[in-house]
């Protein structure tokens, strides 16, 4: 447990920051799920629209260090592959 005033404040900040990061990560995961769901139904246009919304979220989290830049690239690559598969399934 924190003993000094500085350590107590840092603990409070960490709790607040973690809650914020969890929210951002959750929003990113929701965006990814929307793309995958649209691609699974074969609706390439809807998947592309969802992809355009998800990519800035993914990039933002990578820039802020919440996810690794290679993880961000992996997410985007996988989503793009799913969209191409959905477009080819027509």
PDB file of N, CA and C in Angstrom:
ATOM      1  N   UNK A   1       0.847  -1.192   0.000  1.00  0.00           N
ATOM      2  CA  UNK A   1       0.000   0.000   0.000  1.00  0.00           C
ATOM      3  C   UNK A   1       0.879   1.238   0.000  1.00  0.00           C
ATOM      4  N   UNK A   2       0.399   2.292  -0.634  1.00  0.00           N
ATOM      5  CA  UNK A   2       1.154   3.541  -0.738  1.00  0.00           C
ATOM      6  C   UNK A   2       1.255   4.221   0.624  1.00  0.00           C
ATOM      7  N   UNK A   3       2.464   4.677   0.937  1.00  0.00           N
ATOM      8  CA  UNK A   3       2.681   5.335   2.218  1.00  0.00           C
ATOM      9  C   UNK A   3       2.840   6.841   2.104  1.00  0.00           C
ATOM     10  N   UNK A   4       3.479   7.303   1.040  1.00  0.00           N
ATOM     11  CA  UNK A   4       3.705   8.737   0.893  1.00  0.00           C
ATOM     12  C   UNK A   4       2.558   9.378   0.122  1.00  0.00           C
ATOM     13  N   UNK A   5       2.449  10.683   0.250  1.00  0.00           N
ATOM     14  CA  UNK A   5       1.396  11.416  -0.457  1.00  0.00           C
ATOM     15  C   UNK A   5       1.556  11.257  -1.964  1.00  0.00           C
ATOM     16  N   UNK A   6       2.810  11.279  -2.421  1.00  0.00           N
ATOM     17  CA  UNK A   6       3.075  11.139  -3.850  1.00  0.00           C
ATOM     18  C   UNK A   6       2.629   9.764  -4.353  1.00  0.00           C
ATOM     19  N   UNK A   7       2.930   8.729  -3.587  1.00  0.00           N
ATOM     20  CA  UNK A   7       2.564   7.369  -3.986  1.00  0.00           C
ATOM     21  C   UNK A   7       1.048   7.192  -3.978  1.00  0.00           C
ATOM     22  N   UNK A   8       0.380   7.823  -3.019  1.00  0.00           N
ATOM     23  CA  UNK A   8      -1.090   7.747  -2.963  1.00  0.00           C
ATOM     24  C   UNK A   8      -1.703   8.410  -4.190  1.00  0.00           C
ATOM     25  N   UNK A   9      -1.152   9.567  -4.551  1.00  0.00           N
ATOM     26  CA  UNK A   9      -1.661  10.281  -5.718  1.00  0.00           C
ATOM     27  C   UNK A   9      -1.421   9.454  -6.987  1.00  0.00           C
ATOM     28  N   UNK A  10      -0.231   8.866  -7.101  1.00  0.00           N
ATOM     29  CA  UNK A  10       0.083   8.052  -8.261  1.00  0.00           C
ATOM     30  C   UNK A  10      -0.866   6.853  -8.353  1.00  0.00           C
ATOM     31  N   UNK A  11      -1.224   6.275  -7.225  1.00  0.00           N
ATOM     32  CA  UNK A  11      -2.162   5.149  -7.212  1.00  0.00           C
ATOM     33  C   UNK A  11      -3.535   5.599  -7.703  1.00  0.00           C
ATOM     34  N   UNK A  12      -3.976   6.787  -7.267  1.00  0.00           N
ATOM     35  CA  UNK A  12      -5.256   7.330  -7.737  1.00  0.00           C
ATOM     36  C   UNK A  12      -5.218   7.572  -9.242  1.00  0.00           C
ATOM     37  N   UNK A  13      -4.115   8.145  -9.712  1.00  0.00           N
ATOM     38  CA  UNK A  13      -3.980   8.428 -11.139  1.00  0.00           C
ATOM     39  C   UNK A  13      -3.991   7.138 -11.952  1.00  0.00           C
ATOM     40  N   UNK A  14      -3.340   6.106 -11.425  1.00  0.00           N
ATOM     41  CA  UNK A  14      -3.273   4.831 -12.135  1.00  0.00           C
ATOM     42  C   UNK A  14      -4.660   4.223 -12.288  1.00  0.00           C
ATOM     43  N   UNK A  15      -5.481   4.327 -11.258  1.00  0.00           N
ATOM     44  CA  UNK A  15      -6.845   3.794 -11.321  1.00  0.00           C
ATOM     45  C   UNK A  15      -7.653   4.533 -12.379  1.00  0.00           C
ATOM     46  N   UNK A  16      -7.533   5.845 -12.383  1.00  0.00           N
ATOM     47  CA  UNK A  16      -8.267   6.673 -13.342  1.00  0.00           C
ATOM     48  C   UNK A  16      -7.801   6.390 -14.775  1.00  0.00           C
ATOM     49  N   UNK A  17      -6.486   6.286 -14.944  1.00  0.00           N
ATOM     50  CA  UNK A  17      -5.916   6.047 -16.266  1.00  0.00           C
ATOM     51  C   UNK A  17      -6.304   4.658 -16.782  1.00  0.00           C
ATOM     52  N   UNK A  18      -6.307   3.666 -15.877  1.00  0.00           N
ATOM     53  CA  UNK A  18      -6.674   2.317 -16.283  1.00  0.00           C
ATOM     54  C   UNK A  18      -8.123   2.264 -16.767  1.00  0.00           C
ATOM     55  N   UNK A  19      -9.013   2.954 -16.052  1.00  0.00           N
ATOM     56  CA  UNK A  19     -10.428   2.983 -16.454  1.00  0.00           C
ATOM     57  C   UNK A  19     -10.569   3.602 -17.843  1.00  0.00           C
ATOM     58  N   UNK A  20      -9.816   4.653 -18.101  1.00  0.00           N
ATOM     59  CA  UNK A  20      -9.858   5.322 -19.398  1.00  0.00           C
ATOM     60  C   UNK A  20      -9.333   4.403 -20.495  1.00  0.00           C
ATOM     61  N   UNK A  21      -8.207   3.725 -20.217  1.00  0.00           N
ATOM     62  CA  UNK A  21      -7.613   2.826 -21.198  1.00  0.00           C
ATOM     63  C   UNK A  21      -8.522   1.642 -21.504  1.00  0.00           C
ATOM     64  N   UNK A  22      -9.198   1.124 -20.477  1.00  0.00           N
ATOM     65  CA  UNK A  22     -10.116   0.004 -20.674  1.00  0.00           C
ATOM     66  C   UNK A  22     -11.245   0.426 -21.615  1.00  0.00           C
ATOM     67  N   UNK A  23     -11.749   1.636 -21.433  1.00  0.00           N
ATOM     68  CA  UNK A  23     -12.818   2.156 -22.289  1.00  0.00           C
ATOM     69  C   UNK A  23     -12.358   2.250 -23.740  1.00  0.00           C
ATOM     70  N   UNK A  24     -11.159   2.793 -23.952  1.00  0.00           N
ATOM     71  CA  UNK A  24     -10.639   2.942 -25.307  1.00  0.00           C
ATOM     72  C   UNK A  24     -10.418   1.580 -25.966  1.00  0.00           C
ATOM     73  N   UNK A  25      -9.844   0.642 -25.207  1.00  0.00           N
ATOM     74  CA  UNK A  25      -9.578  -0.692 -25.747  1.00  0.00           C
ATOM     75  C   UNK A  25     -10.887  -1.408 -26.096  1.00  0.00           C
ATOM     76  N   UNK A  26     -11.900  -1.206 -25.249  1.00  0.00           N
ATOM     77  CA  UNK A  26     -13.196  -1.820 -25.488  1.00  0.00           C
ATOM     78  C   UNK A  26     -13.833  -1.262 -26.763  1.00  0.00           C
ATOM     79  N   UNK A  27     -13.731   0.038 -26.961  1.00  0.00           N
ATOM     80  CA  UNK A  27     -14.280   0.669 -28.167  1.00  0.00           C
ATOM     81  C   UNK A  27     -13.585   0.132 -29.413  1.00  0.00           C
ATOM     82  N   UNK A  28     -12.276  -0.074 -29.320  1.00  0.00           N
ATOM     83  CA  UNK A  28     -11.534  -0.618 -30.450  1.00  0.00           C
ATOM     84  C   UNK A  28     -12.016  -2.039 -30.764  1.00  0.00           C
ATOM     85  N   UNK A  29     -12.175  -2.857 -29.738  1.00  0.00           N
ATOM     86  CA  UNK A  29     -12.619  -4.235 -29.939  1.00  0.00           C
ATOM     87  C   UNK A  29     -14.019  -4.282 -30.542  1.00  0.00           C
ATOM     88  N   UNK A  30     -14.884  -3.363 -30.121  1.00  0.00           N
ATOM     89  CA  UNK A  30     -16.231  -3.290 -30.679  1.00  0.00           C
ATOM     90  C   UNK A  30     -16.171  -2.957 -32.168  1.00  0.00           C
ATOM     91  N   UNK A  31     -15.308  -2.020 -32.523  1.00  0.00           N
ATOM     92  CA  UNK A  31     -15.139  -1.657 -33.927  1.00  0.00           C
ATOM     93  C   UNK A  31     -14.662  -2.826 -34.758  1.00  0.00           C
ATOM     94  N   UNK A  32     -13.727  -3.590 -34.209  1.00  0.00           N
ATOM     95  CA  UNK A  32     -13.206  -4.765 -34.913  1.00  0.00           C
ATOM     96  C   UNK A  32     -14.313  -5.799 -35.094  1.00  0.00           C
ATOM     97  N   UNK A  33     -15.121  -5.998 -34.058  1.00  0.00           N
ATOM     98  CA  UNK A  33     -16.224  -6.962 -34.145  1.00  0.00           C
ATOM     99  C   UNK A  33     -17.243  -6.553 -35.203  1.00  0.00           C
ATOM    100  N   UNK A  34     -17.493  -5.251 -35.336  1.00  0.00           N
ATOM    101  CA  UNK A  34     -18.443  -4.772 -36.344  1.00  0.00           C
ATOM    102  C   UNK A  34     -17.951  -5.096 -37.747  1.00  0.00           C
ATOM    103  N   UNK A  35     -16.656  -4.899 -37.974  1.00  0.00           N
ATOM    104  CA  UNK A  35     -16.093  -5.200 -39.294  1.00  0.00           C
ATOM    105  C   UNK A  35     -16.223  -6.690 -39.572  1.00  0.00           C
ATOM    106  N   UNK A  36     -15.816  -7.507 -38.603  1.00  0.00           N
ATOM    107  CA  UNK A  36     -15.859  -8.964 -38.801  1.00  0.00           C
ATOM    108  C   UNK A  36     -17.285  -9.470 -39.002  1.00  0.00           C
ATOM    109  N   UNK A  37     -18.237  -8.902 -38.260  1.00  0.00           N
ATOM    110  CA  UNK A  37     -19.631  -9.326 -38.394  1.00  0.00           C
ATOM    111  C   UNK A  37     -20.164  -8.984 -39.778  1.00  0.00           C
ATOM    112  N   UNK A  38     -19.858  -7.780 -40.266  1.00  0.00           N
ATOM    113  CA  UNK A  38     -20.320  -7.369 -41.587  1.00  0.00           C
ATOM    114  C   UNK A  38     -19.665  -8.224 -42.672  1.00  0.00           C
ATOM    115  N   UNK A  39     -18.387  -8.538 -42.489  1.00  0.00           N
ATOM    116  CA  UNK A  39     -17.685  -9.355 -43.479  1.00  0.00           C
ATOM    117  C   UNK A  39     -18.231 -10.783 -43.478  1.00  0.00           C
ATOM    118  N   UNK A  40     -18.585 -11.271 -42.309  1.00  0.00           N
ATOM    119  CA  UNK A  40     -19.109 -12.639 -42.195  1.00  0.00           C
ATOM    120  C   UNK A  40     -20.439 -12.801 -42.937  1.00  0.00           C
ATOM    121  N   UNK A  41     -21.252 -11.752 -42.918  1.00  0.00           N
ATOM    122  CA  UNK A  41     -22.532 -11.816 -43.626  1.00  0.00           C
ATOM    123  C   UNK A  41     -22.352 -11.652 -45.126  1.00  0.00           C
ATOM    124  N   UNK A  42     -21.133 -11.284 -45.549  1.00  0.00           N
ATOM    125  CA  UNK A  42     -20.866 -11.114 -46.970  1.00  0.00           C
ATOM    126  C   UNK A  42     -21.143  -9.715 -47.475  1.00  0.00           C
ATOM    127  N   UNK A  43     -21.481  -8.810 -46.560  1.00  0.00           N
ATOM    128  CA  UNK A  43     -21.775  -7.427 -46.936  1.00  0.00           C
ATOM    129  C   UNK A  43     -20.475  -6.626 -46.962  1.00  0.00           C
ATOM    130  N   UNK A  44     -19.814  -6.611 -48.115  1.00  0.00           N
ATOM    131  CA  UNK A  44     -18.510  -5.974 -48.242  1.00  0.00           C
ATOM    132  C   UNK A  44     -18.593  -4.455 -48.061  1.00  0.00           C
ATOM    133  N   UNK A  45     -19.675  -3.842 -48.517  1.00  0.00           N
ATOM    134  CA  UNK A  45     -19.809  -2.382 -48.404  1.00  0.00           C
ATOM    135  C   UNK A  45     -19.922  -1.962 -46.939  1.00  0.00           C
ATOM    136  N   UNK A  46     -20.744  -2.682 -46.178  1.00  0.00           N
ATOM    137  CA  UNK A  46     -20.894  -2.364 -44.754  1.00  0.00           C
ATOM    138  C   UNK A  46     -19.594  -2.648 -44.012  1.00  0.00           C
ATOM    139  N   UNK A  47     -18.920  -3.713 -44.399  1.00  0.00           N
ATOM    140  CA  UNK A  47     -17.644  -4.049 -43.767  1.00  0.00           C
ATOM    141  C   UNK A  47     -16.612  -2.963 -44.053  1.00  0.00           C
ATOM    142  N   UNK A  48     -16.610  -2.451 -45.266  1.00  0.00           N
ATOM    143  CA  UNK A  48     -15.670  -1.387 -45.633  1.00  0.00           C
ATOM    144  C   UNK A  48     -15.942  -0.113 -44.837  1.00  0.00           C
ATOM    145  N   UNK A  49     -17.220   0.221 -44.652  1.00  0.00           N
ATOM    146  CA  UNK A  49     -17.573   1.407 -43.858  1.00  0.00           C
ATOM    147  C   UNK A  49     -17.131   1.239 -42.407  1.00  0.00           C
ATOM    148  N   UNK A  50     -17.373   0.056 -41.850  1.00  0.00           N
ATOM    149  CA  UNK A  50     -16.965  -0.215 -40.475  1.00  0.00           C
ATOM    150  C   UNK A  50     -15.451  -0.193 -40.357  1.00  0.00           C
ATOM    151  N   UNK A  51     -14.765  -0.664 -41.392  1.00  0.00           N
ATOM    152  CA  UNK A  51     -13.302  -0.667 -41.411  1.00  0.00           C
ATOM    153  C   UNK A  51     -12.761   0.757 -41.367  1.00  0.00           C
ATOM    154  N   UNK A  52     -13.407   1.647 -42.112  1.00  0.00           N
ATOM    155  CA  UNK A  52     -12.967   3.050 -42.139  1.00  0.00           C
ATOM    156  C   UNK A  52     -13.138   3.722 -40.777  1.00  0.00           C
ATOM    157  N   UNK A  53     -14.079   3.231 -39.976  1.00  0.00           N
ATOM    158  CA  UNK A  53     -14.259   3.760 -38.623  1.00  0.00           C
ATOM    159  C   UNK A  53     -13.288   3.114 -37.641  1.00  0.00           C
ATOM    160  N   UNK A  54     -12.959   1.852 -37.868  1.00  0.00           N
ATOM    161  CA  UNK A  54     -12.113   1.110 -36.927  1.00  0.00           C
ATOM    162  C   UNK A  54     -10.634   1.479 -37.056  1.00  0.00           C
ATOM    163  N   UNK A  55     -10.174   1.744 -38.265  1.00  0.00           N
ATOM    164  CA  UNK A  55      -8.748   1.995 -38.486  1.00  0.00           C
ATOM    165  C   UNK A  55      -8.229   3.198 -37.682  1.00  0.00           C
ATOM    166  N   UNK A  56      -8.905   4.347 -37.681  1.00  0.00           N
ATOM    167  CA  UNK A  56      -8.386   5.456 -36.879  1.00  0.00           C
ATOM    168  C   UNK A  56      -8.329   5.119 -35.382  1.00  0.00           C
ATOM    169  N   UNK A  57      -9.294   4.358 -34.890  1.00  0.00           N
ATOM    170  CA  UNK A  57      -9.269   3.944 -33.482  1.00  0.00           C
ATOM    171  C   UNK A  57      -8.048   3.092 -33.195  1.00  0.00           C
ATOM    172  N   UNK A  58      -7.796   2.128 -34.065  1.00  0.00           N
ATOM    173  CA  UNK A  58      -6.651   1.234 -33.889  1.00  0.00           C
ATOM    174  C   UNK A  58      -5.352   2.037 -33.926  1.00  0.00           C
ATOM    175  N   UNK A  59      -5.233   2.931 -34.904  1.00  0.00           N
ATOM    176  CA  UNK A  59      -4.021   3.741 -35.038  1.00  0.00           C
ATOM    177  C   UNK A  59      -3.812   4.644 -33.824  1.00  0.00           C
ATOM    178  N   UNK A  60      -4.893   5.197 -33.319  1.00  0.00           N
ATOM    179  CA  UNK A  60      -4.810   6.083 -32.149  1.00  0.00           C
ATOM    180  C   UNK A  60      -4.278   5.328 -30.935  1.00  0.00           C
ATOM    181  N   UNK A  61      -4.790   4.114 -30.720  1.00  0.00           N
ATOM    182  CA  UNK A  61      -4.339   3.322 -29.574  1.00  0.00           C
ATOM    183  C   UNK A  61      -2.880   2.918 -29.726  1.00  0.00           C
ATOM    184  N   UNK A  62      -2.456   2.640 -30.952  1.00  0.00           N
ATOM    185  CA  UNK A  62      -1.056   2.293 -31.191  1.00  0.00           C
ATOM    186  C   UNK A  62      -0.166   3.508 -30.934  1.00  0.00           C
ATOM    187  N   UNK A  63      -0.620   4.662 -31.360  1.00  0.00           N
ATOM    188  CA  UNK A  63       0.149   5.894 -31.172  1.00  0.00           C
ATOM    189  C   UNK A  63       0.302   6.228 -29.692  1.00  0.00           C
ATOM    190  N   UNK A  64      -0.745   5.964 -28.917  1.00  0.00           N
ATOM    191  CA  UNK A  64      -0.715   6.262 -27.492  1.00  0.00           C
ATOM    192  C   UNK A  64      -0.043   5.166 -26.665  1.00  0.00           C
ATOM    193  N   UNK A  65       0.280   4.044 -27.315  1.00  0.00           N
ATOM    194  CA  UNK A  65       0.986   2.980 -26.618  1.00  0.00           C
ATOM    195  C   UNK A  65       0.087   1.991 -25.899  1.00  0.00           C
ATOM    196  N   UNK A  66      -1.224   2.029 -26.148  1.00  0.00           N
ATOM    197  CA  UNK A  66      -2.126   1.076 -25.500  1.00  0.00           C
ATOM    198  C   UNK A  66      -2.035  -0.296 -26.144  1.00  0.00           C
ATOM    199  N   UNK A  67      -1.718  -0.320 -27.433  1.00  0.00           N
ATOM    200  CA  UNK A  67      -1.425  -1.580 -28.104  1.00  0.00           C
ATOM    201  C   UNK A  67      -0.133  -1.374 -28.888  1.00  0.00           C
ATOM    202  N   UNK A  68       0.554  -2.462 -29.158  1.00  0.00           N
ATOM    203  CA  UNK A  68       1.805  -2.395 -29.904  1.00  0.00           C
ATOM    204  C   UNK A  68       1.528  -2.043 -31.364  1.00  0.00           C
ATOM    205  N   UNK A  69       2.464  -1.364 -32.013  1.00  0.00           N
ATOM    206  CA  UNK A  69       2.251  -0.963 -33.408  1.00  0.00           C
ATOM    207  C   UNK A  69       2.127  -2.170 -34.321  1.00  0.00           C
ATOM    208  N   UNK A  70       2.832  -3.256 -33.997  1.00  0.00           N
ATOM    209  CA  UNK A  70       2.712  -4.463 -34.814  1.00  0.00           C
ATOM    210  C   UNK A  70       1.364  -5.140 -34.595  1.00  0.00           C
ATOM    211  N   UNK A  71       0.818  -5.046 -33.391  1.00  0.00           N
ATOM    212  CA  UNK A  71      -0.517  -5.585 -33.123  1.00  0.00           C
ATOM    213  C   UNK A  71      -1.547  -4.803 -33.930  1.00  0.00           C
ATOM    214  N   UNK A  72      -1.370  -3.484 -33.991  1.00  0.00           N
ATOM    215  CA  UNK A  72      -2.279  -2.644 -34.774  1.00  0.00           C
ATOM    216  C   UNK A  72      -2.220  -3.046 -36.248  1.00  0.00           C
ATOM    217  N   UNK A  73      -1.019  -3.265 -36.752  1.00  0.00           N
ATOM    218  CA  UNK A  73      -0.857  -3.665 -38.152  1.00  0.00           C
ATOM    219  C   UNK A  73      -1.522  -5.018 -38.387  1.00  0.00           C
ATOM    220  N   UNK A  74      -1.384  -5.922 -37.420  1.00  0.00           N
ATOM    221  CA  UNK A  74      -1.986  -7.250 -37.535  1.00  0.00           C
ATOM    222  C   UNK A  74      -3.506  -7.166 -37.579  1.00  0.00           C
ATOM    223  N   UNK A  75      -4.082  -6.335 -36.697  1.00  0.00           N
ATOM    224  CA  UNK A  75      -5.539  -6.147 -36.688  1.00  0.00           C
ATOM    225  C   UNK A  75      -6.018  -5.637 -38.045  1.00  0.00           C
ATOM    226  N   UNK A  76      -5.368  -4.581 -38.540  1.00  0.00           N
ATOM    227  CA  UNK A  76      -5.795  -3.970 -39.797  1.00  0.00           C
ATOM    228  C   UNK A  76      -5.644  -4.926 -40.963  1.00  0.00           C
ATOM    229  N   UNK A  77      -4.564  -5.672 -40.972  1.00  0.00           N
ATOM    230  CA  UNK A  77      -4.329  -6.638 -42.041  1.00  0.00           C
ATOM    231  C   UNK A  77      -5.398  -7.731 -42.029  1.00  0.00           C
ATOM    232  N   UNK A  78      -5.708  -8.242 -40.860  1.00  0.00           N
ATOM    233  CA  UNK A  78      -6.719  -9.292 -40.748  1.00  0.00           C
ATOM    234  C   UNK A  78      -8.094  -8.814 -41.159  1.00  0.00           C
ATOM    235  N   UNK A  79      -8.424  -7.599 -40.762  1.00  0.00           N
ATOM    236  CA  UNK A  79      -9.727  -7.034 -41.129  1.00  0.00           C
ATOM    237  C   UNK A  79      -9.816  -6.817 -42.639  1.00  0.00           C
ATOM    238  N   UNK A  80      -8.733  -6.319 -43.207  1.00  0.00           N
ATOM    239  CA  UNK A  80      -8.700  -6.084 -44.649  1.00  0.00           C
ATOM    240  C   UNK A  80      -8.862  -7.401 -45.406  1.00  0.00           C
ATOM    241  N   UNK A  81      -8.212  -8.444 -44.903  1.00  0.00           N
ATOM    242  CA  UNK A  81      -8.311  -9.774 -45.521  1.00  0.00           C
ATOM    243  C   UNK A  81      -9.756 -10.281 -45.456  1.00  0.00           C
ATOM    244  N   UNK A  82     -10.424 -10.049 -44.315  1.00  0.00           N
ATOM    245  CA  UNK A  82     -11.804 -10.483 -44.164  1.00  0.00           C
ATOM    246  C   UNK A  82     -12.720  -9.747 -45.139  1.00  0.00           C
ATOM    247  N   UNK A  83     -12.462  -8.469 -45.350  1.00  0.00           N
ATOM    248  CA  UNK A  83     -13.268  -7.669 -46.281  1.00  0.00           C
ATOM    249  C   UNK A  83     -13.067  -8.166 -47.705  1.00  0.00           C
ATOM    250  N   UNK A  84     -11.809  -8.458 -48.073  1.00  0.00           N
ATOM    251  CA  UNK A  84     -11.539  -8.956 -49.414  1.00  0.00           C
ATOM    252  C   UNK A  84     -12.214 -10.315 -49.647  1.00  0.00           C
ATOM    253  N   UNK A  85     -12.217 -11.154 -48.611  1.00  0.00           N
ATOM    254  CA  UNK A  85     -12.892 -12.448 -48.698  1.00  0.00           C
ATOM    255  C   UNK A  85     -14.387 -12.258 -48.908  1.00  0.00           C
ATOM    256  N   UNK A  86     -14.971 -11.287 -48.161  1.00  0.00           N
ATOM    257  CA  UNK A  86     -16.410 -11.024 -48.278  1.00  0.00           C
ATOM    258  C   UNK A  86     -16.740 -10.495 -49.675  1.00  0.00           C
ATOM    259  N   UNK A  87     -15.871  -9.641 -50.215  1.00  0.00           N
ATOM    260  CA  UNK A  87     -16.106  -9.088 -51.546  1.00  0.00           C
ATOM    261  C   UNK A  87     -16.001 -10.169 -52.615  1.00  0.00           C
ATOM    262  N   UNK A  88     -15.105 -11.117 -52.410  1.00  0.00           N
ATOM    263  CA  UNK A  88     -14.927 -12.188 -53.382  1.00  0.00           C
ATOM    264  C   UNK A  88     -16.008 -13.247 -53.305  1.00  0.00           C
ATOM    265  N   UNK A  89     -16.730 -13.279 -52.193  1.00  0.00           N
ATOM    266  CA  UNK A  89     -17.762 -14.305 -51.987  1.00  0.00           C
ATOM    267  C   UNK A  89     -19.035 -14.018 -52.765  1.00  0.00           C
ATOM    268  N   UNK A  90     -19.143 -12.833 -53.319  1.00  0.00           N
ATOM    269  CA  UNK A  90     -20.372 -12.464 -54.052  1.00  0.00           C
ATOM    270  C   UNK A  90     -20.630 -13.315 -55.246  1.00  0.00           C
TER     271      UNK A  90
END
